[in-house]
Amino acid sequence: MRVFCSFVLVCVIGVQGKVAPDGFPACKRTDPQIEKCFLDGIENIRPQLQAGIPEVNIPSLEPFLVPTLKLDRTAPNLRLKAVLKNMVARGGGNFRIDRLKINLNNKYAAEVKLFIPRLAVTVDYDVKGSRLLVLDIDGKGQLRGNFTGIQVVAKGSAKVIEKDGESYLQADKIATRLKINHGQIDINDTERPYAANSAVAFFNSSPNVVLDILNPLIEDTGAAIMKAFLNKIFGSIPLKELILD
């Protein structure tokens, strides 16, 4: 569910000069309403987020693309080894921020709570040696899914590093909590179509059961993607332009 990381990226950017998106205010460290400053800025540039903002390495939200993901997880009721490619997610641009907390007291930390009404996802998959409960889920093909009522809470902190005589932030710890209210999938499997049909029927008859089993994997994967994207942004903008003194 990598689509969720883009939202957190813009929550911690208050830039100036040539890298500042039009309409995004420069938020000061000492502003007693710094969360409101950032939230107002996000709403101001929401239209730009649809296509992305290359100046600060924010990718497009509509659609949001993830070229490749590798998954390897063993847990109760789950053994999964998979390669996912060409992931496309649509609907993330309709996000709503329900809560934002920023802590700049001798550290750089933030927490954001998001709600996404609906996500439509397509992805090419190659799954080997995997099992969900008693169901064999090996195969190769394309999965299409529709997911609704998505709630995300992301927490993170960053540390300061020095590079080329400038101070930059580097994401240090990222954690996410995720809840999907409902989901439905369809699969076009080129290797095991009959087994894939069984997997689809099982998921669609009990989506909440399957999503609860997969949830720790989704949360960990989302946190890893979020950290990578944050560091891509942080590495391109000096700290003095991220947080104004």
C-alpha atoms as a PDB file:
ATOM      1  CA  MET A   1       0.000   0.000   0.000  1.00  0.00           C
ATOM      2  CA  ARG A   2       2.825   2.232  -0.809  1.00  0.00           C
ATOM      3  CA  VAL A   3       0.348   4.909  -1.986  1.00  0.00           C
ATOM      4  CA  PHE A   4       0.079   6.093   1.682  1.00  0.00           C
ATOM      5  CA  CYS A   5       3.688   7.474   1.999  1.00  0.00           C
ATOM      6  CA  SER A   6       3.165  10.471  -0.308  1.00  0.00           C
ATOM      7  CA  PHE A   7       0.791  12.084   2.146  1.00  0.00           C
ATOM      8  CA  VAL A   8       3.300  12.043   4.986  1.00  0.00           C
ATOM      9  CA  LEU A   9       5.993  13.519   2.754  1.00  0.00           C
ATOM     10  CA  VAL A  10       4.162  16.779   2.263  1.00  0.00           C
ATOM     11  CA  CYS A  11       3.321  16.997   5.962  1.00  0.00           C
ATOM     12  CA  VAL A  12       6.914  17.729   6.882  1.00  0.00           C
ATOM     13  CA  ILE A  13       7.949  20.141   4.118  1.00  0.00           C
ATOM     14  CA  GLY A  14       8.011  23.906   4.554  1.00  0.00           C
ATOM     15  CA  VAL A  15      10.450  25.109   1.912  1.00  0.00           C
ATOM     16  CA  GLN A  16      11.433  28.471   0.544  1.00  0.00           C
ATOM     17  CA  GLY A  17      13.179  29.848  -2.542  1.00  0.00           C
ATOM     18  CA  LYS A  18      13.128  28.051  -5.852  1.00  0.00           C
ATOM     19  CA  VAL A  19      12.083  24.668  -4.381  1.00  0.00           C
ATOM     20  CA  ALA A  20       8.875  25.954  -2.774  1.00  0.00           C
ATOM     21  CA  PRO A  21       5.639  24.816  -4.448  1.00  0.00           C
ATOM     22  CA  ASP A  22       3.357  27.741  -5.284  1.00  0.00           C
ATOM     23  CA  GLY A  23       1.064  28.560  -2.399  1.00  0.00           C
ATOM     24  CA  PHE A  24       2.938  26.504   0.190  1.00  0.00           C
ATOM     25  CA  PRO A  25       3.699  28.667   3.246  1.00  0.00           C
ATOM     26  CA  ALA A  26       7.059  28.645   4.968  1.00  0.00           C
ATOM     27  CA  CYS A  27       6.351  27.311   8.483  1.00  0.00           C
ATOM     28  CA  LYS A  28       8.550  28.487  11.312  1.00  0.00           C
ATOM     29  CA  ARG A  29       9.900  26.257  14.054  1.00  0.00           C
ATOM     30  CA  THR A  30       8.531  28.652  16.695  1.00  0.00           C
ATOM     31  CA  ASP A  31       5.029  28.903  15.224  1.00  0.00           C
ATOM     32  CA  PRO A  32       2.601  27.870  18.025  1.00  0.00           C
ATOM     33  CA  GLN A  33       0.190  26.690  15.292  1.00  0.00           C
ATOM     34  CA  ILE A  34       2.749  24.917  13.148  1.00  0.00           C
ATOM     35  CA  GLU A  35       0.416  21.970  12.447  1.00  0.00           C
ATOM     36  CA  LYS A  36      -2.222  24.341  11.069  1.00  0.00           C
ATOM     37  CA  CYS A  37       0.438  26.034   8.954  1.00  0.00           C
ATOM     38  CA  PHE A  38       1.377  22.744   7.323  1.00  0.00           C
ATOM     39  CA  LEU A  39      -2.233  21.618   6.907  1.00  0.00           C
ATOM     40  CA  ASP A  40      -3.151  24.899   5.212  1.00  0.00           C
ATOM     41  CA  GLY A  41      -0.176  24.471   2.913  1.00  0.00           C
ATOM     42  CA  ILE A  42      -1.171  20.937   1.965  1.00  0.00           C
ATOM     43  CA  GLU A  43      -4.657  22.086   1.017  1.00  0.00           C
ATOM     44  CA  ASN A  44      -3.168  24.932  -1.053  1.00  0.00           C
ATOM     45  CA  ILE A  45      -1.046  22.558  -3.148  1.00  0.00           C
ATOM     46  CA  ARG A  46      -3.493  19.637  -3.247  1.00  0.00           C
ATOM     47  CA  PRO A  47      -4.144  20.145  -7.000  1.00  0.00           C
ATOM     48  CA  GLN A  48      -0.397  19.975  -7.682  1.00  0.00           C
ATOM     49  CA  LEU A  49      -0.088  16.704  -5.784  1.00  0.00           C
ATOM     50  CA  GLN A  50      -2.216  14.950  -8.392  1.00  0.00           C
ATOM     51  CA  ALA A  51       0.599  15.219 -10.944  1.00  0.00           C
ATOM     52  CA  GLY A  52       3.464  15.288  -8.428  1.00  0.00           C
ATOM     53  CA  ILE A  53       5.999  17.977  -7.578  1.00  0.00           C
ATOM     54  CA  PRO A  54       9.364  17.039  -9.144  1.00  0.00           C
ATOM     55  CA  GLU A  55      11.182  19.973  -7.480  1.00  0.00           C
ATOM     56  CA  VAL A  56      10.911  18.222  -4.107  1.00  0.00           C
ATOM     57  CA  ASN A  57      10.721  14.620  -5.389  1.00  0.00           C
ATOM     58  CA  ILE A  58       7.032  14.160  -4.532  1.00  0.00           C
ATOM     59  CA  PRO A  59       5.605  11.562  -6.943  1.00  0.00           C
ATOM     60  CA  SER A  60       2.238  11.722  -8.668  1.00  0.00           C
ATOM     61  CA  LEU A  61      -0.748  10.679  -6.573  1.00  0.00           C
ATOM     62  CA  GLU A  62      -3.008  10.036  -9.566  1.00  0.00           C
ATOM     63  CA  PRO A  63      -1.958   7.458 -10.332  1.00  0.00           C
ATOM     64  CA  PHE A  64       0.621   6.455  -7.745  1.00  0.00           C
ATOM     65  CA  LEU A  65       3.209   4.046  -9.178  1.00  0.00           C
ATOM     66  CA  VAL A  66       5.495   1.515  -7.482  1.00  0.00           C
ATOM     67  CA  PRO A  67       7.792  -0.252  -9.996  1.00  0.00           C
ATOM     68  CA  THR A  68       8.884  -3.244  -7.881  1.00  0.00           C
ATOM     69  CA  LEU A  69       8.305  -4.730  -4.435  1.00  0.00           C
ATOM     70  CA  LYS A  70       9.793  -7.914  -2.987  1.00  0.00           C
ATOM     71  CA  LEU A  71       7.898  -9.599  -0.153  1.00  0.00           C
ATOM     72  CA  ASP A  72       9.220 -12.347   2.114  1.00  0.00           C
ATOM     73  CA  ARG A  73       7.205 -13.054   5.237  1.00  0.00           C
ATOM     74  CA  THR A  74       6.562 -16.011   7.521  1.00  0.00           C
ATOM     75  CA  ALA A  75       3.978 -15.594  10.250  1.00  0.00           C
ATOM     76  CA  PRO A  76       1.102 -17.559  11.797  1.00  0.00           C
ATOM     77  CA  ASN A  77      -1.260 -18.588   8.986  1.00  0.00           C
ATOM     78  CA  LEU A  78       0.976 -16.955   6.371  1.00  0.00           C
ATOM     79  CA  ARG A  79       4.022 -17.869   4.301  1.00  0.00           C
ATOM     80  CA  LEU A  80       4.602 -15.431   1.455  1.00  0.00           C
ATOM     81  CA  LYS A  81       7.423 -15.017  -1.057  1.00  0.00           C
ATOM     82  CA  ALA A  82       6.453 -12.723  -3.904  1.00  0.00           C
ATOM     83  CA  VAL A  83       7.693 -10.164  -6.406  1.00  0.00           C
ATOM     84  CA  LEU A  84       5.226  -7.409  -7.278  1.00  0.00           C
ATOM     85  CA  LYS A  85       5.755  -5.199 -10.327  1.00  0.00           C
ATOM     86  CA  ASN A  86       4.036  -2.300 -12.062  1.00  0.00           C
ATOM     87  CA  MET A  87       1.779  -1.432  -9.136  1.00  0.00           C
ATOM     88  CA  VAL A  88      -0.710   1.315  -9.974  1.00  0.00           C
ATOM     89  CA  ALA A  89      -2.992   2.817  -7.313  1.00  0.00           C
ATOM     90  CA  ARG A  90      -5.788   5.284  -8.040  1.00  0.00           C
ATOM     91  CA  GLY A  91      -7.846   7.253  -5.532  1.00  0.00           C
ATOM     92  CA  GLY A  92      -5.100   8.372  -3.157  1.00  0.00           C
ATOM     93  CA  GLY A  93      -5.577  12.000  -4.140  1.00  0.00           C
ATOM     94  CA  ASN A  94      -8.859  12.009  -2.220  1.00  0.00           C
ATOM     95  CA  PHE A  95      -7.070  11.612   1.110  1.00  0.00           C
ATOM     96  CA  ARG A  96      -8.215  13.438   4.232  1.00  0.00           C
ATOM     97  CA  ILE A  97      -5.883  14.341   7.098  1.00  0.00           C
ATOM     98  CA  ASP A  98      -7.696  13.806  10.395  1.00  0.00           C
ATOM     99  CA  ARG A  99      -4.795  14.562  12.721  1.00  0.00           C
ATOM    100  CA  LEU A 100      -1.268  15.956  12.501  1.00  0.00           C
ATOM    101  CA  LYS A 101       1.246  16.318  15.326  1.00  0.00           C
ATOM    102  CA  ILE A 102       4.735  17.740  14.921  1.00  0.00           C
ATOM    103  CA  ASN A 103       7.404  17.744  17.649  1.00  0.00           C
ATOM    104  CA  LEU A 104      10.473  19.928  17.081  1.00  0.00           C
ATOM    105  CA  ASN A 105      11.610  20.112  20.704  1.00  0.00           C
ATOM    106  CA  ASN A 106      15.208  18.905  20.351  1.00  0.00           C
ATOM    107  CA  LYS A 107      14.055  16.309  17.789  1.00  0.00           C
ATOM    108  CA  TYR A 108      12.266  15.939  14.477  1.00  0.00           C
ATOM    109  CA  ALA A 109       9.163  13.799  14.874  1.00  0.00           C
ATOM    110  CA  ALA A 110       5.699  13.700  13.372  1.00  0.00           C
ATOM    111  CA  GLU A 111       2.488  11.703  13.513  1.00  0.00           C
ATOM    112  CA  VAL A 112      -0.274  11.844  10.908  1.00  0.00           C
ATOM    113  CA  LYS A 113      -3.672  10.148  10.737  1.00  0.00           C
ATOM    114  CA  LEU A 114      -5.158   9.770   7.258  1.00  0.00           C
ATOM    115  CA  PHE A 115      -8.357   8.502   5.713  1.00  0.00           C
ATOM    116  CA  ILE A 116      -8.705   7.382   2.072  1.00  0.00           C
ATOM    117  CA  PRO A 117     -12.259   6.595   0.957  1.00  0.00           C
ATOM    118  CA  ARG A 118     -11.295   4.255  -1.885  1.00  0.00           C
ATOM    119  CA  LEU A 119      -8.244   2.808  -3.648  1.00  0.00           C
ATOM    120  CA  ALA A 120      -8.242   0.886  -6.919  1.00  0.00           C
ATOM    121  CA  VAL A 121      -5.028  -1.137  -7.354  1.00  0.00           C
ATOM    122  CA  THR A 122      -3.578  -3.223 -10.182  1.00  0.00           C
ATOM    123  CA  VAL A 123      -0.310  -5.128  -9.871  1.00  0.00           C
ATOM    124  CA  ASP A 124       1.620  -7.883 -11.656  1.00  0.00           C
ATOM    125  CA  TYR A 125       2.631 -10.655  -9.253  1.00  0.00           C
ATOM    126  CA  ASP A 126       4.919 -13.680  -9.159  1.00  0.00           C
ATOM    127  CA  VAL A 127       4.302 -15.773  -6.026  1.00  0.00           C
ATOM    128  CA  LYS A 128       6.278 -18.926  -5.189  1.00  0.00           C
ATOM    129  CA  GLY A 129       6.197 -21.352  -2.248  1.00  0.00           C
ATOM    130  CA  SER A 130       3.443 -19.438  -0.449  1.00  0.00           C
ATOM    131  CA  ARG A 131       0.409 -20.289   1.617  1.00  0.00           C
ATOM    132  CA  LEU A 132      -2.403 -18.385   3.358  1.00  0.00           C
ATOM    133  CA  LEU A 133      -4.097 -20.426   6.070  1.00  0.00           C
ATOM    134  CA  VAL A 134      -4.585 -23.758   4.226  1.00  0.00           C
ATOM    135  CA  LEU A 135      -4.730 -22.164   0.780  1.00  0.00           C
ATOM    136  CA  ASP A 136      -1.881 -22.555  -1.709  1.00  0.00           C
ATOM    137  CA  ILE A 137      -1.424 -19.152  -3.408  1.00  0.00           C
ATOM    138  CA  ASP A 138       1.447 -19.816  -5.827  1.00  0.00           C
ATOM    139  CA  GLY A 139       1.112 -18.372  -9.308  1.00  0.00           C
ATOM    140  CA  LYS A 140       1.892 -15.570 -11.733  1.00  0.00           C
ATOM    141  CA  GLY A 141      -0.380 -12.969 -13.295  1.00  0.00           C
ATOM    142  CA  GLN A 142      -2.190  -9.719 -12.531  1.00  0.00           C
ATOM    143  CA  LEU A 143      -4.271  -8.793  -9.502  1.00  0.00           C
ATOM    144  CA  ARG A 144      -6.907  -6.053  -9.500  1.00  0.00           C
ATOM    145  CA  GLY A 145      -8.361  -4.869  -6.212  1.00  0.00           C
ATOM    146  CA  ASN A 146     -10.777  -2.294  -4.833  1.00  0.00           C
ATOM    147  CA  PHE A 147     -10.358  -1.294  -1.195  1.00  0.00           C
ATOM    148  CA  THR A 148     -12.533   1.095   0.810  1.00  0.00           C
ATOM    149  CA  GLY A 149     -12.479   2.860   4.169  1.00  0.00           C
ATOM    150  CA  ILE A 150      -8.679   2.954   4.561  1.00  0.00           C
ATOM    151  CA  GLN A 151      -7.367   4.432   7.809  1.00  0.00           C
ATOM    152  CA  VAL A 152      -3.641   5.003   8.311  1.00  0.00           C
ATOM    153  CA  VAL A 153      -1.654   6.279  11.275  1.00  0.00           C
ATOM    154  CA  ALA A 154       2.019   6.942  10.500  1.00  0.00           C
ATOM    155  CA  LYS A 155       4.639   7.934  13.061  1.00  0.00           C
ATOM    156  CA  GLY A 156       8.221   8.828  12.288  1.00  0.00           C
ATOM    157  CA  SER A 157      11.364  10.559  13.447  1.00  0.00           C
ATOM    158  CA  ALA A 158      14.442  11.886  11.691  1.00  0.00           C
ATOM    159  CA  LYS A 159      18.047  12.686  12.556  1.00  0.00           C
ATOM    160  CA  VAL A 160      20.410  15.355  11.245  1.00  0.00           C
ATOM    161  CA  ILE A 161      23.310  14.379   8.986  1.00  0.00           C
ATOM    162  CA  GLU A 162      26.027  16.474   7.368  1.00  0.00           C
ATOM    163  CA  LYS A 163      26.624  16.386   3.620  1.00  0.00           C
ATOM    164  CA  ASP A 164      28.797  18.722   1.545  1.00  0.00           C
ATOM    165  CA  GLY A 165      28.917  21.275   4.340  1.00  0.00           C
ATOM    166  CA  GLU A 166      25.123  21.358   4.777  1.00  0.00           C
ATOM    167  CA  SER A 167      22.799  19.817   7.348  1.00  0.00           C
ATOM    168  CA  TYR A 168      20.080  17.476   6.065  1.00  0.00           C
ATOM    169  CA  LEU A 169      17.415  15.344   7.693  1.00  0.00           C
ATOM    170  CA  GLN A 170      17.416  11.573   7.352  1.00  0.00           C
ATOM    171  CA  ALA A 171      14.367   9.492   8.264  1.00  0.00           C
ATOM    172  CA  ASP A 172      15.374   7.237  11.131  1.00  0.00           C
ATOM    173  CA  LYS A 173      12.307   5.384  12.413  1.00  0.00           C
ATOM    174  CA  ILE A 174       8.981   4.979  10.600  1.00  0.00           C
ATOM    175  CA  ALA A 175       6.000   2.913  11.760  1.00  0.00           C
ATOM    176  CA  THR A 176       2.482   2.629  10.356  1.00  0.00           C
ATOM    177  CA  ARG A 177      -0.836   1.267  11.575  1.00  0.00           C
ATOM    178  CA  LEU A 178      -3.399   0.404   8.936  1.00  0.00           C
ATOM    179  CA  LYS A 179      -7.055  -0.592   8.832  1.00  0.00           C
ATOM    180  CA  ILE A 180      -8.962  -1.439   5.634  1.00  0.00           C
ATOM    181  CA  ASN A 181     -12.704  -1.633   6.066  1.00  0.00           C
ATOM    182  CA  HIS A 182     -13.456  -3.728   2.984  1.00  0.00           C
ATOM    183  CA  GLY A 183     -11.841  -5.140  -0.148  1.00  0.00           C
ATOM    184  CA  GLN A 184     -12.656  -7.140  -3.274  1.00  0.00           C
ATOM    185  CA  ILE A 185     -10.155  -8.618  -5.751  1.00  0.00           C
ATOM    186  CA  ASP A 186      -9.957 -10.283  -9.141  1.00  0.00           C
ATOM    187  CA  ILE A 187      -7.005 -12.279 -10.488  1.00  0.00           C
ATOM    188  CA  ASN A 188      -5.890 -13.231 -13.982  1.00  0.00           C
ATOM    189  CA  ASP A 189      -3.343 -16.008 -13.360  1.00  0.00           C
ATOM    190  CA  THR A 190      -1.353 -17.373 -16.297  1.00  0.00           C
ATOM    191  CA  GLU A 191       0.063 -20.426 -14.485  1.00  0.00           C
ATOM    192  CA  ARG A 192      -2.678 -21.728 -12.171  1.00  0.00           C
ATOM    193  CA  PRO A 193      -6.007 -20.156 -13.146  1.00  0.00           C
ATOM    194  CA  TYR A 194      -8.204 -22.660 -11.267  1.00  0.00           C
ATOM    195  CA  ALA A 195      -6.258 -22.226  -8.033  1.00  0.00           C
ATOM    196  CA  ALA A 196      -6.398 -18.461  -8.528  1.00  0.00           C
ATOM    197  CA  ASN A 197     -10.182 -18.605  -8.854  1.00  0.00           C
ATOM    198  CA  SER A 198     -10.332 -20.450  -5.540  1.00  0.00           C
ATOM    199  CA  ALA A 199      -8.140 -17.795  -3.929  1.00  0.00           C
ATOM    200  CA  VAL A 200     -10.358 -15.012  -5.281  1.00  0.00           C
ATOM    201  CA  ALA A 201     -13.510 -16.710  -4.005  1.00  0.00           C
ATOM    202  CA  PHE A 202     -11.933 -17.215  -0.575  1.00  0.00           C
ATOM    203  CA  PHE A 203     -10.778 -13.603  -0.304  1.00  0.00           C
ATOM    204  CA  ASN A 204     -14.024 -12.067  -1.544  1.00  0.00           C
ATOM    205  CA  SER A 205     -16.116 -14.190   0.811  1.00  0.00           C
ATOM    206  CA  SER A 206     -14.043 -13.208   3.867  1.00  0.00           C
ATOM    207  CA  PRO A 207     -11.988 -10.095   3.024  1.00  0.00           C
ATOM    208  CA  ASN A 208     -11.607  -8.940   6.620  1.00  0.00           C
ATOM    209  CA  VAL A 209     -10.163 -12.304   7.690  1.00  0.00           C
ATOM    210  CA  VAL A 210      -7.534 -12.204   4.944  1.00  0.00           C
ATOM    211  CA  LEU A 211      -6.728  -8.518   5.440  1.00  0.00           C
ATOM    212  CA  ASP A 212      -6.205  -9.066   9.172  1.00  0.00           C
ATOM    213  CA  ILE A 213      -3.660 -11.799   8.400  1.00  0.00           C
ATOM    214  CA  LEU A 214      -1.890  -9.646   5.802  1.00  0.00           C
ATOM    215  CA  ASN A 215      -2.031  -6.446   7.845  1.00  0.00           C
ATOM    216  CA  PRO A 216       1.393  -6.723   9.570  1.00  0.00           C
ATOM    217  CA  LEU A 217       3.029  -7.304   6.175  1.00  0.00           C
ATOM    218  CA  ILE A 218       1.186  -4.336   4.637  1.00  0.00           C
ATOM    219  CA  GLU A 219       2.173  -2.089   7.549  1.00  0.00           C
ATOM    220  CA  ASP A 220       5.855  -3.075   7.441  1.00  0.00           C
ATOM    221  CA  THR A 221       6.023  -2.707   3.669  1.00  0.00           C
ATOM    222  CA  GLY A 222       4.338   0.680   3.805  1.00  0.00           C
ATOM    223  CA  ALA A 223       6.772   1.899   6.461  1.00  0.00           C
ATOM    224  CA  ALA A 224       9.792   0.795   4.409  1.00  0.00           C
ATOM    225  CA  ILE A 225       8.536   2.526   1.272  1.00  0.00           C
ATOM    226  CA  MET A 226       7.689   5.641   3.229  1.00  0.00           C
ATOM    227  CA  LYS A 227      11.201   5.816   4.693  1.00  0.00           C
ATOM    228  CA  ALA A 228      12.805   5.487   1.251  1.00  0.00           C
ATOM    229  CA  PHE A 229      10.667   8.253  -0.242  1.00  0.00           C
ATOM    230  CA  LEU A 230      11.188  10.564   2.724  1.00  0.00           C
ATOM    231  CA  ASN A 231      14.943  10.201   2.437  1.00  0.00           C
ATOM    232  CA  LYS A 232      14.761  10.936  -1.275  1.00  0.00           C
ATOM    233  CA  ILE A 233      13.132  14.263  -0.424  1.00  0.00           C
ATOM    234  CA  PHE A 234      15.233  15.012   2.649  1.00  0.00           C
ATOM    235  CA  GLY A 235      18.429  14.337   0.707  1.00  0.00           C
ATOM    236  CA  SER A 236      17.618  17.043  -1.823  1.00  0.00           C
ATOM    237  CA  ILE A 237      16.664  19.915   0.512  1.00  0.00           C
ATOM    238  CA  PRO A 238      18.927  21.356   3.244  1.00  0.00           C
ATOM    239  CA  LEU A 239      17.454  21.392   6.739  1.00  0.00           C
ATOM    240  CA  LYS A 240      17.494  25.211   6.865  1.00  0.00           C
ATOM    241  CA  GLU A 241      14.934  25.196   4.025  1.00  0.00           C
ATOM    242  CA  LEU A 242      12.745  22.486   5.545  1.00  0.00           C
ATOM    243  CA  ILE A 243      12.219  24.154   8.925  1.00  0.00           C
ATOM    244  CA  LEU A 244      12.547  27.923   9.109  1.00  0.00           C
ATOM    245  CA  ASP A 245      14.153  29.475  12.205  1.00  0.00           C
END
